[in-house]
Amino acid sequence: MMTDKQTQIIKPYGDTLNDGRIQISFSLPAPANGVGEEAAKILLRKMGFEDIEVCNMQDLSSGFVHVIAYVTANISVDLSKIKVNEIQKLEMTMEQIDEFIEQNVGRELNIIGACIESDAHTVGIDAIMNMKGYNQRYGLERYRMVNAYNLGAQVPVGELLEKAMSLKADAILVSQIVTQKNIHISNLTKLIELAEAENIRDKMLFICGGPRINNELAIELGYDAGFGHNTYANDVAMFIAKHYADKKFKEN
């Protein structure tokens, strides 16, 4: 609801706008019976929720249960006071980006990608790098003005930096899918710290991505940009292209 021109107060809703209804899903080390259900309700009440309705309980194994509940949250947020550090995405096709690079950068861009350290999940980096791409967006390997090098999974950070320097990379793309115990934070930090120690941090763009990555976190960790869900190759390509186009303009 709008209270005035300066504020925009909103609440979650289920059936009716601003009714505060939320669906919550979580697991408990409790039995899938009345005791487990009551434990879930008590926890939800302690979180400040009201009108609690446990609608599903799934027995996971002996002494463990998955709970789905509907609750009401009597809190709101003012959208007008929210500020986020996000990347402006430009809806440009592969052909348009190739033309932009050719006209504004004047050379092909060298981009290297990998899943680093223990992360063996290549679905993210493949969606950005592989020629076929993802969801009707071609990957960087298909771009005429991009030399794309996909190193795959479980690449040590030292090996990645060595390869990037040998290829004179303009950008390093790092995908982190595994996030248990914040291992992605450790891996991403390790890469930046090594790049700084070897005095190559400013020689190329460092970009990271993954399901728990956003631009704000990436900047905090020392990266130039971070891309999370709903990100495609054209988003990443245009960010890199615009950076080097701006750099060339300033140099001239």
C-alpha atoms as a PDB file:
ATOM      1  CA  MET A   1       0.000   0.000   0.000  1.00  0.00           C
ATOM      2  CA  MET A   2       1.123   3.558  -0.633  1.00  0.00           C
ATOM      3  CA  THR A   3       1.005   5.925   2.347  1.00  0.00           C
ATOM      4  CA  ASP A   4       2.424   8.933   0.516  1.00  0.00           C
ATOM      5  CA  LYS A   5       4.656   9.774  -2.423  1.00  0.00           C
ATOM      6  CA  GLN A   6       7.855   9.190  -0.433  1.00  0.00           C
ATOM      7  CA  THR A   7       7.075   5.769   1.030  1.00  0.00           C
ATOM      8  CA  GLN A   8       5.968   2.413  -0.293  1.00  0.00           C
ATOM      9  CA  ILE A   9       5.003   0.128   2.578  1.00  0.00           C
ATOM     10  CA  ILE A  10       4.492  -3.514   1.626  1.00  0.00           C
ATOM     11  CA  LYS A  11       3.866  -6.867   3.343  1.00  0.00           C
ATOM     12  CA  PRO A  12       3.944 -10.469   2.118  1.00  0.00           C
ATOM     13  CA  TYR A  13       0.641 -11.787   0.835  1.00  0.00           C
ATOM     14  CA  GLY A  14      -1.022 -15.074   0.005  1.00  0.00           C
ATOM     15  CA  ASP A  15      -4.707 -14.731  -0.902  1.00  0.00           C
ATOM     16  CA  THR A  16      -5.178 -11.010  -0.352  1.00  0.00           C
ATOM     17  CA  LEU A  17      -2.731  -8.143  -0.867  1.00  0.00           C
ATOM     18  CA  ASN A  18      -0.841  -7.330   2.350  1.00  0.00           C
ATOM     19  CA  ASP A  19      -2.471 -10.147   4.354  1.00  0.00           C
ATOM     20  CA  GLY A  20       0.996 -11.127   5.636  1.00  0.00           C
ATOM     21  CA  ARG A  21       0.663 -14.816   4.770  1.00  0.00           C
ATOM     22  CA  ILE A  22       3.899 -16.738   4.208  1.00  0.00           C
ATOM     23  CA  GLN A  23       4.696 -20.339   3.345  1.00  0.00           C
ATOM     24  CA  ILE A  24       7.628 -21.700   5.327  1.00  0.00           C
ATOM     25  CA  SER A  25       9.524 -24.927   4.755  1.00  0.00           C
ATOM     26  CA  PHE A  26      12.125 -26.351   7.144  1.00  0.00           C
ATOM     27  CA  SER A  27      13.445 -29.551   8.696  1.00  0.00           C
ATOM     28  CA  LEU A  28      13.624 -30.551  12.352  1.00  0.00           C
ATOM     29  CA  PRO A  29      15.421 -33.323  14.250  1.00  0.00           C
ATOM     30  CA  ALA A  30      12.051 -34.374  15.663  1.00  0.00           C
ATOM     31  CA  PRO A  31       9.566 -37.202  15.049  1.00  0.00           C
ATOM     32  CA  ALA A  32       6.868 -36.860  12.393  1.00  0.00           C
ATOM     33  CA  ASN A  33       4.011 -36.899  14.896  1.00  0.00           C
ATOM     34  CA  GLY A  34       2.146 -34.564  17.218  1.00  0.00           C
ATOM     35  CA  VAL A  35       5.296 -33.794  19.172  1.00  0.00           C
ATOM     36  CA  GLY A  36       7.149 -32.732  16.030  1.00  0.00           C
ATOM     37  CA  GLU A  37       4.189 -30.629  14.880  1.00  0.00           C
ATOM     38  CA  GLU A  38       3.938 -28.849  18.214  1.00  0.00           C
ATOM     39  CA  ALA A  39       7.693 -28.245  18.218  1.00  0.00           C
ATOM     40  CA  ALA A  40       7.370 -26.607  14.780  1.00  0.00           C
ATOM     41  CA  LYS A  41       4.520 -24.398  15.988  1.00  0.00           C
ATOM     42  CA  ILE A  42       6.418 -23.309  19.092  1.00  0.00           C
ATOM     43  CA  LEU A  43       9.447 -22.365  17.025  1.00  0.00           C
ATOM     44  CA  LEU A  44       7.322 -20.384  14.589  1.00  0.00           C
ATOM     45  CA  ARG A  45       5.576 -18.554  17.427  1.00  0.00           C
ATOM     46  CA  LYS A  46       8.957 -17.667  18.920  1.00  0.00           C
ATOM     47  CA  MET A  47       9.901 -16.196  15.542  1.00  0.00           C
ATOM     48  CA  GLY A  48       6.961 -13.824  15.885  1.00  0.00           C
ATOM     49  CA  PHE A  49       4.561 -15.496  13.455  1.00  0.00           C
ATOM     50  CA  GLU A  50       0.836 -15.815  14.084  1.00  0.00           C
ATOM     51  CA  ASP A  51      -2.079 -17.864  12.643  1.00  0.00           C
ATOM     52  CA  ILE A  52       0.228 -20.868  12.304  1.00  0.00           C
ATOM     53  CA  GLU A  53      -1.061 -23.782  10.227  1.00  0.00           C
ATOM     54  CA  VAL A  54       1.135 -26.843   9.687  1.00  0.00           C
ATOM     55  CA  CYS A  55      -0.147 -28.225   6.407  1.00  0.00           C
ATOM     56  CA  ASN A  56       2.374 -30.975   5.699  1.00  0.00           C
ATOM     57  CA  MET A  57       4.819 -33.132   7.636  1.00  0.00           C
ATOM     58  CA  GLN A  58       7.096 -35.571   5.823  1.00  0.00           C
ATOM     59  CA  ASP A  59       9.014 -38.254   7.722  1.00  0.00           C
ATOM     60  CA  LEU A  60      12.607 -37.956   6.464  1.00  0.00           C
ATOM     61  CA  SER A  61      14.034 -40.800   8.542  1.00  0.00           C
ATOM     62  CA  SER A  62      13.919 -41.949  12.131  1.00  0.00           C
ATOM     63  CA  GLY A  63      13.703 -38.812  14.278  1.00  0.00           C
ATOM     64  CA  PHE A  64      13.720 -36.280  11.433  1.00  0.00           C
ATOM     65  CA  VAL A  65      10.802 -34.442   9.844  1.00  0.00           C
ATOM     66  CA  HIS A  66      10.274 -31.909   7.073  1.00  0.00           C
ATOM     67  CA  VAL A  67       7.590 -29.329   7.839  1.00  0.00           C
ATOM     68  CA  ILE A  68       5.591 -27.010   5.581  1.00  0.00           C
ATOM     69  CA  ALA A  69       3.515 -24.369   7.327  1.00  0.00           C
ATOM     70  CA  TYR A  70       1.488 -21.260   6.565  1.00  0.00           C
ATOM     71  CA  VAL A  71       1.937 -18.332   8.949  1.00  0.00           C
ATOM     72  CA  THR A  72       1.110 -14.639   9.201  1.00  0.00           C
ATOM     73  CA  ALA A  73       3.830 -12.013   9.551  1.00  0.00           C
ATOM     74  CA  ASN A  74       2.666  -8.708  10.992  1.00  0.00           C
ATOM     75  CA  ILE A  75       5.670  -6.752   9.784  1.00  0.00           C
ATOM     76  CA  SER A  76       6.219  -4.610   6.726  1.00  0.00           C
ATOM     77  CA  VAL A  77       9.001  -2.969   4.727  1.00  0.00           C
ATOM     78  CA  ASP A  78       9.330   0.408   3.020  1.00  0.00           C
ATOM     79  CA  LEU A  79      10.583  -0.156  -0.537  1.00  0.00           C
ATOM     80  CA  SER A  80      11.479   3.514  -0.926  1.00  0.00           C
ATOM     81  CA  LYS A  81      14.187   3.191   1.745  1.00  0.00           C
ATOM     82  CA  ILE A  82      15.903   0.158   0.209  1.00  0.00           C
ATOM     83  CA  LYS A  83      19.197   0.703  -1.588  1.00  0.00           C
ATOM     84  CA  VAL A  84      21.069  -2.168  -3.230  1.00  0.00           C
ATOM     85  CA  ASN A  85      24.314  -2.326  -5.151  1.00  0.00           C
ATOM     86  CA  GLU A  86      23.228  -4.276  -8.205  1.00  0.00           C
ATOM     87  CA  ILE A  87      24.469  -4.457 -11.773  1.00  0.00           C
ATOM     88  CA  GLN A  88      22.366  -2.780 -14.399  1.00  0.00           C
ATOM     89  CA  LYS A  89      21.539  -5.434 -16.967  1.00  0.00           C
ATOM     90  CA  LEU A  90      21.117  -4.423 -20.590  1.00  0.00           C
ATOM     91  CA  GLU A  91      18.954  -6.635 -22.776  1.00  0.00           C
ATOM     92  CA  MET A  92      21.323  -7.101 -25.703  1.00  0.00           C
ATOM     93  CA  THR A  93      21.714 -10.090 -27.979  1.00  0.00           C
ATOM     94  CA  MET A  94      24.947 -11.882 -28.746  1.00  0.00           C
ATOM     95  CA  GLU A  95      25.108 -10.164 -32.136  1.00  0.00           C
ATOM     96  CA  GLN A  96      24.589  -6.737 -30.598  1.00  0.00           C
ATOM     97  CA  ILE A  97      27.274  -7.343 -27.981  1.00  0.00           C
ATOM     98  CA  ASP A  98      29.741  -8.564 -30.615  1.00  0.00           C
ATOM     99  CA  GLU A  99      29.091  -5.389 -32.585  1.00  0.00           C
ATOM    100  CA  PHE A 100      29.491  -3.270 -29.448  1.00  0.00           C
ATOM    101  CA  ILE A 101      32.864  -4.874 -28.671  1.00  0.00           C
ATOM    102  CA  GLU A 102      34.078  -4.449 -32.230  1.00  0.00           C
ATOM    103  CA  GLN A 103      33.090  -0.782 -32.392  1.00  0.00           C
ATOM    104  CA  ASN A 104      33.904   0.321 -28.841  1.00  0.00           C
ATOM    105  CA  VAL A 105      36.726  -1.949 -27.677  1.00  0.00           C
ATOM    106  CA  GLY A 106      38.270  -2.669 -31.060  1.00  0.00           C
ATOM    107  CA  ARG A 107      39.632  -6.128 -30.271  1.00  0.00           C
ATOM    108  CA  GLU A 108      38.578  -9.561 -29.091  1.00  0.00           C
ATOM    109  CA  LEU A 109      38.179 -10.097 -25.345  1.00  0.00           C
ATOM    110  CA  ASN A 110      39.920 -12.990 -23.610  1.00  0.00           C
ATOM    111  CA  ILE A 111      37.697 -14.489 -20.916  1.00  0.00           C
ATOM    112  CA  ILE A 112      38.633 -17.471 -18.757  1.00  0.00           C
ATOM    113  CA  GLY A 113      36.201 -19.363 -16.539  1.00  0.00           C
ATOM    114  CA  ALA A 114      36.414 -22.110 -13.925  1.00  0.00           C
ATOM    115  CA  CYS A 115      34.990 -23.695 -10.791  1.00  0.00           C
ATOM    116  CA  ILE A 116      37.769 -23.340  -8.252  1.00  0.00           C
ATOM    117  CA  GLU A 117      39.258 -25.535  -5.551  1.00  0.00           C
ATOM    118  CA  SER A 118      36.956 -28.337  -4.319  1.00  0.00           C
ATOM    119  CA  ASP A 119      33.846 -27.248  -6.258  1.00  0.00           C
ATOM    120  CA  ALA A 120      33.096 -29.883  -8.916  1.00  0.00           C
ATOM    121  CA  HIS A 121      29.756 -28.489 -10.142  1.00  0.00           C
ATOM    122  CA  THR A 122      30.163 -26.985 -13.614  1.00  0.00           C
ATOM    123  CA  VAL A 123      26.490 -26.258 -14.332  1.00  0.00           C
ATOM    124  CA  GLY A 124      26.957 -22.543 -13.615  1.00  0.00           C
ATOM    125  CA  ILE A 125      30.155 -21.906 -15.537  1.00  0.00           C
ATOM    126  CA  ASP A 126      28.952 -24.081 -18.421  1.00  0.00           C
ATOM    127  CA  ALA A 127      25.755 -22.035 -18.734  1.00  0.00           C
ATOM    128  CA  ILE A 128      27.877 -18.920 -19.212  1.00  0.00           C
ATOM    129  CA  MET A 129      30.802 -20.332 -21.202  1.00  0.00           C
ATOM    130  CA  ASN A 130      29.598 -23.257 -23.316  1.00  0.00           C
ATOM    131  CA  MET A 131      28.623 -22.551 -26.898  1.00  0.00           C
ATOM    132  CA  LYS A 132      25.059 -23.833 -26.448  1.00  0.00           C
ATOM    133  CA  GLY A 133      24.524 -21.584 -23.416  1.00  0.00           C
ATOM    134  CA  TYR A 134      21.334 -21.768 -21.406  1.00  0.00           C
ATOM    135  CA  ASN A 135      17.674 -20.791 -21.764  1.00  0.00           C
ATOM    136  CA  GLN A 136      18.021 -19.563 -25.351  1.00  0.00           C
ATOM    137  CA  ARG A 137      21.094 -17.438 -24.588  1.00  0.00           C
ATOM    138  CA  TYR A 138      24.270 -18.559 -26.312  1.00  0.00           C
ATOM    139  CA  GLY A 139      27.408 -19.032 -24.211  1.00  0.00           C
ATOM    140  CA  LEU A 140      30.589 -16.992 -24.614  1.00  0.00           C
ATOM    141  CA  GLU A 141      32.253 -19.653 -26.765  1.00  0.00           C
ATOM    142  CA  ARG A 142      29.867 -18.706 -29.565  1.00  0.00           C
ATOM    143  CA  TYR A 143      30.625 -14.971 -29.440  1.00  0.00           C
ATOM    144  CA  ARG A 144      32.591 -13.729 -32.426  1.00  0.00           C
ATOM    145  CA  MET A 145      34.491 -11.101 -30.412  1.00  0.00           C
ATOM    146  CA  VAL A 146      35.249 -13.305 -27.380  1.00  0.00           C
ATOM    147  CA  ASN A 147      37.958 -15.888 -26.876  1.00  0.00           C
ATOM    148  CA  ALA A 148      36.425 -18.068 -24.165  1.00  0.00           C
ATOM    149  CA  TYR A 149      38.432 -20.613 -22.171  1.00  0.00           C
ATOM    150  CA  ASN A 150      36.492 -22.937 -19.861  1.00  0.00           C
ATOM    151  CA  LEU A 151      38.881 -24.735 -17.496  1.00  0.00           C
ATOM    152  CA  GLY A 152      36.142 -26.834 -15.907  1.00  0.00           C
ATOM    153  CA  ALA A 153      35.932 -27.875 -12.270  1.00  0.00           C
ATOM    154  CA  GLN A 154      38.185 -28.213  -9.229  1.00  0.00           C
ATOM    155  CA  VAL A 155      40.775 -25.804 -10.595  1.00  0.00           C
ATOM    156  CA  PRO A 156      43.331 -24.644  -7.985  1.00  0.00           C
ATOM    157  CA  VAL A 157      43.398 -20.852  -7.724  1.00  0.00           C
ATOM    158  CA  GLY A 158      47.113 -20.746  -8.453  1.00  0.00           C
ATOM    159  CA  GLU A 159      46.623 -22.700 -11.667  1.00  0.00           C
ATOM    160  CA  LEU A 160      43.748 -20.432 -12.690  1.00  0.00           C
ATOM    161  CA  LEU A 161      45.807 -17.270 -12.220  1.00  0.00           C
ATOM    162  CA  GLU A 162      48.783 -18.758 -14.054  1.00  0.00           C
ATOM    163  CA  LYS A 163      46.554 -19.682 -16.996  1.00  0.00           C
ATOM    164  CA  ALA A 164      44.883 -16.272 -16.982  1.00  0.00           C
ATOM    165  CA  MET A 165      48.229 -14.506 -17.184  1.00  0.00           C
ATOM    166  CA  SER A 166      49.497 -16.746 -19.974  1.00  0.00           C
ATOM    167  CA  LEU A 167      46.345 -16.075 -22.002  1.00  0.00           C
ATOM    168  CA  LYS A 168      46.424 -12.352 -21.204  1.00  0.00           C
ATOM    169  CA  ALA A 169      42.897 -12.646 -19.865  1.00  0.00           C
ATOM    170  CA  ASP A 170      40.686  -9.592 -19.714  1.00  0.00           C
ATOM    171  CA  ALA A 171      38.403 -11.269 -17.189  1.00  0.00           C
ATOM    172  CA  ILE A 172      38.272 -14.273 -14.884  1.00  0.00           C
ATOM    173  CA  LEU A 173      34.863 -15.826 -14.257  1.00  0.00           C
ATOM    174  CA  VAL A 174      34.550 -17.983 -11.151  1.00  0.00           C
ATOM    175  CA  SER A 175      31.503 -20.133 -10.429  1.00  0.00           C
ATOM    176  CA  GLN A 176      30.782 -21.432  -6.936  1.00  0.00           C
ATOM    177  CA  ILE A 177      27.827 -23.796  -6.570  1.00  0.00           C
ATOM    178  CA  VAL A 178      28.792 -25.633  -3.375  1.00  0.00           C
ATOM    179  CA  THR A 179      28.128 -23.392  -0.362  1.00  0.00           C
ATOM    180  CA  GLN A 180      28.060 -25.723   2.650  1.00  0.00           C
ATOM    181  CA  LYS A 181      29.708 -24.099   5.660  1.00  0.00           C
ATOM    182  CA  ASN A 182      30.425 -21.064   3.477  1.00  0.00           C
ATOM    183  CA  ILE A 183      33.156 -22.882   1.547  1.00  0.00           C
ATOM    184  CA  HIS A 184      32.424 -20.572  -1.407  1.00  0.00           C
ATOM    185  CA  ILE A 185      33.492 -17.592   0.698  1.00  0.00           C
ATOM    186  CA  SER A 186      36.775 -19.257   1.571  1.00  0.00           C
ATOM    187  CA  ASN A 187      37.489 -20.221  -2.033  1.00  0.00           C
ATOM    188  CA  LEU A 188      36.628 -16.810  -3.457  1.00  0.00           C
ATOM    189  CA  THR A 189      38.703 -15.046  -0.804  1.00  0.00           C
ATOM    190  CA  LYS A 190      41.654 -17.322  -1.483  1.00  0.00           C
ATOM    191  CA  LEU A 191      41.650 -16.363  -5.172  1.00  0.00           C
ATOM    192  CA  ILE A 192      41.582 -12.626  -4.520  1.00  0.00           C
ATOM    193  CA  GLU A 193      44.253 -12.806  -1.828  1.00  0.00           C
ATOM    194  CA  LEU A 194      46.577 -14.751  -4.138  1.00  0.00           C
ATOM    195  CA  ALA A 195      45.947 -12.326  -7.006  1.00  0.00           C
ATOM    196  CA  GLU A 196      46.813  -9.410  -4.719  1.00  0.00           C
ATOM    197  CA  ALA A 197      49.913 -11.169  -3.414  1.00  0.00           C
ATOM    198  CA  GLU A 198      51.132 -11.697  -6.976  1.00  0.00           C
ATOM    199  CA  ASN A 199      50.280  -8.091  -7.949  1.00  0.00           C
ATOM    200  CA  ILE A 200      47.886  -9.100 -10.720  1.00  0.00           C
ATOM    201  CA  ARG A 201      44.579  -8.126  -9.116  1.00  0.00           C
ATOM    202  CA  ASP A 202      44.284  -4.979 -11.239  1.00  0.00           C
ATOM    203  CA  LYS A 203      45.412  -6.544 -14.502  1.00  0.00           C
ATOM    204  CA  MET A 204      41.998  -8.078 -15.284  1.00  0.00           C
ATOM    205  CA  LEU A 205      38.393  -8.185 -14.126  1.00  0.00           C
ATOM    206  CA  PHE A 206      37.494 -10.687 -11.417  1.00  0.00           C
ATOM    207  CA  ILE A 207      33.850 -11.793 -11.576  1.00  0.00           C
ATOM    208  CA  CYS A 208      32.135 -14.457  -9.496  1.00  0.00           C
ATOM    209  CA  GLY A 209      28.753 -16.126  -9.704  1.00  0.00           C
ATOM    210  CA  GLY A 210      26.577 -18.767  -8.102  1.00  0.00           C
ATOM    211  CA  PRO A 211      23.240 -19.364  -6.364  1.00  0.00           C
ATOM    212  CA  ARG A 212      24.334 -17.546  -3.198  1.00  0.00           C
ATOM    213  CA  ILE A 213      26.333 -14.823  -4.923  1.00  0.00           C
ATOM    214  CA  ASN A 214      25.164 -11.279  -5.514  1.00  0.00           C
ATOM    215  CA  ASN A 215      26.959  -8.114  -6.532  1.00  0.00           C
ATOM    216  CA  GLU A 216      27.072  -6.731  -3.007  1.00  0.00           C
ATOM    217  CA  LEU A 217      28.797  -9.843  -1.642  1.00  0.00           C
ATOM    218  CA  ALA A 218      31.198  -9.938  -4.586  1.00  0.00           C
ATOM    219  CA  ILE A 219      32.287  -6.335  -4.039  1.00  0.00           C
ATOM    220  CA  GLU A 220      32.750  -7.031  -0.341  1.00  0.00           C
ATOM    221  CA  LEU A 221      35.037  -9.962  -1.177  1.00  0.00           C
ATOM    222  CA  GLY A 222      37.137  -7.816  -3.516  1.00  0.00           C
ATOM    223  CA  TYR A 223      35.651  -8.751  -6.891  1.00  0.00           C
ATOM    224  CA  ASP A 224      34.596  -6.373  -9.638  1.00  0.00           C
ATOM    225  CA  ALA A 225      31.135  -7.879  -9.965  1.00  0.00           C
ATOM    226  CA  GLY A 226      28.931 -10.733  -8.843  1.00  0.00           C
ATOM    227  CA  PHE A 227      26.131 -12.449 -10.733  1.00  0.00           C
ATOM    228  CA  GLY A 228      23.549 -14.693  -9.087  1.00  0.00           C
ATOM    229  CA  HIS A 229      20.351 -16.356 -10.246  1.00  0.00           C
ATOM    230  CA  ASN A 230      18.690 -15.281 -13.507  1.00  0.00           C
ATOM    231  CA  THR A 231      22.060 -14.391 -14.997  1.00  0.00           C
ATOM    232  CA  TYR A 232      23.048 -15.289 -18.544  1.00  0.00           C
ATOM    233  CA  ALA A 233      26.098 -15.036 -20.775  1.00  0.00           C
ATOM    234  CA  ASN A 234      24.905 -11.812 -22.388  1.00  0.00           C
ATOM    235  CA  ASP A 235      24.698 -10.130 -18.950  1.00  0.00           C
ATOM    236  CA  VAL A 236      28.279 -11.062 -18.133  1.00  0.00           C
ATOM    237  CA  ALA A 237      29.578 -10.301 -21.621  1.00  0.00           C
ATOM    238  CA  MET A 238      28.032  -6.847 -21.674  1.00  0.00           C
ATOM    239  CA  PHE A 239      29.434  -5.978 -18.243  1.00  0.00           C
ATOM    240  CA  ILE A 240      32.941  -6.908 -19.403  1.00  0.00           C
ATOM    241  CA  ALA A 241      32.546  -5.204 -22.773  1.00  0.00           C
ATOM    242  CA  LYS A 242      31.287  -1.984 -21.213  1.00  0.00           C
ATOM    243  CA  HIS A 243      34.188  -1.929 -18.747  1.00  0.00           C
ATOM    244  CA  TYR A 244      36.796  -2.146 -21.499  1.00  0.00           C
ATOM    245  CA  ALA A 245      34.924   0.275 -23.731  1.00  0.00           C
ATOM    246  CA  ASP A 246      34.898   2.825 -20.896  1.00  0.00           C
ATOM    247  CA  LYS A 247      38.576   2.158 -20.206  1.00  0.00           C
ATOM    248  CA  LYS A 248      39.489   2.752 -23.862  1.00  0.00           C
ATOM    249  CA  PHE A 249      37.458   5.954 -23.913  1.00  0.00           C
ATOM    250  CA  LYS A 250      39.261   7.285 -20.834  1.00  0.00           C
ATOM    251  CA  GLU A 251      42.671   6.398 -22.261  1.00  0.00           C
ATOM    252  CA  ASN A 252      41.873   8.313 -25.446  1.00  0.00           C
END
